[in-house]
Amino acid sequence: MIVAVASGKGGTGKTTVSASLCSVWDTPVTAVDLDVEEPNLHLFLCPEISGSAKATLEVPRLDEGLCDACGKCSDVCQFKAISLFGDVLLAFPEMCHGCGACLEVCPQGALSPDHRELGEVLWGSSGDMGFVMGRLRVGEAMSPPLMRAVKKRLAELNSQRPGDVIIDCPPGVSCPAVNAVMDSDVILLVSEPTPFGLYDFTLAWEAFGPLNKPMGAVINRAGLGDGKLAAFCREKGIPILAELPFSREVAESYSQGQIVAQATPELNQAFRELAANTRELYLASQSKEAAHA
């Protein structure tokens, strides 16, 4: 089972939930940080890193001596990463999405493959738990290709050590967030019961809904704000899998880099119930699919 822990915006407690859920998971599990722009799951799980690798993207290299300025590469590039100005061709590798179309259409062989560094993939373990994360290079704008490299490494590790996967996703509802949840079996939407929380929760529900994956809500800082988020979940049929209290113990634990599920017996039990409810949501969706097969 792959569990994606997502949120419509940052600061809702997504990483707190991911780390705690991993710590109470009662079967083999790998924790994955796909929030590659600002990874911080490792700050709580403190993994021992055993390996790393650079991730790169194929980009074109221009040989001006061979280019006859036909413009075919410029015409095929949707992102203007290679453009013709008069009879001068210019390449902008930082804007390249790595589709390789320009390399295919160049009749003169003036373009050859080069590589742009995206960041790095790191892996290791935290106790019995596997761990994989990505870290985007400073100044790099495109995170999905690095996320795919993290997923590829995860697949390799999971083939050696099968188990469940819990993903700390990037916040928001843009391409990186959708890329993070698209391969999951269950999506947990973490939010807080405030007007801003409800607004961003709604955006996430609308963005991920077309993927037709079971979704459950985790209401963090319960007791803060109002009951409109819970009412929205009831109206849309979104099960509330956990309500985590707005408490001083949680804030102190988080600020000290500790796993919140280990702060008090009550919080530990709350996350164990969240783990059980997540499995139940997954199994219910599997039963429904089997009934319609």
Foldseek 3Di string as FASTA:
>chain_A
DEEEQAAAAPDLCSLLLQLLLLVQQPKAEAEEELQQADDDNCLALVFDWDDKDWFKAKDKDFDVVQDQQPCPLCVPDPQSQWHQDPSDIDGNRLRDPRPCVSCVPRPRNRIDIDIDTFFMKIWGARVSYTYIYTHGDVPRDDRLSRSVVRVVVVVVVCVVPPDYYYYRFHYRQDDRRCSRPLPGQEYEYGFEQAPVRQVSRVVNCVRCVVSVHQYAYEYEQPVPHDCVSVVVCVVVVHHHQAYHHNDPQQVVCVVVSYNSLPSDVVSVVRSSSSSVVRVVSSVVVVVVVVVVD
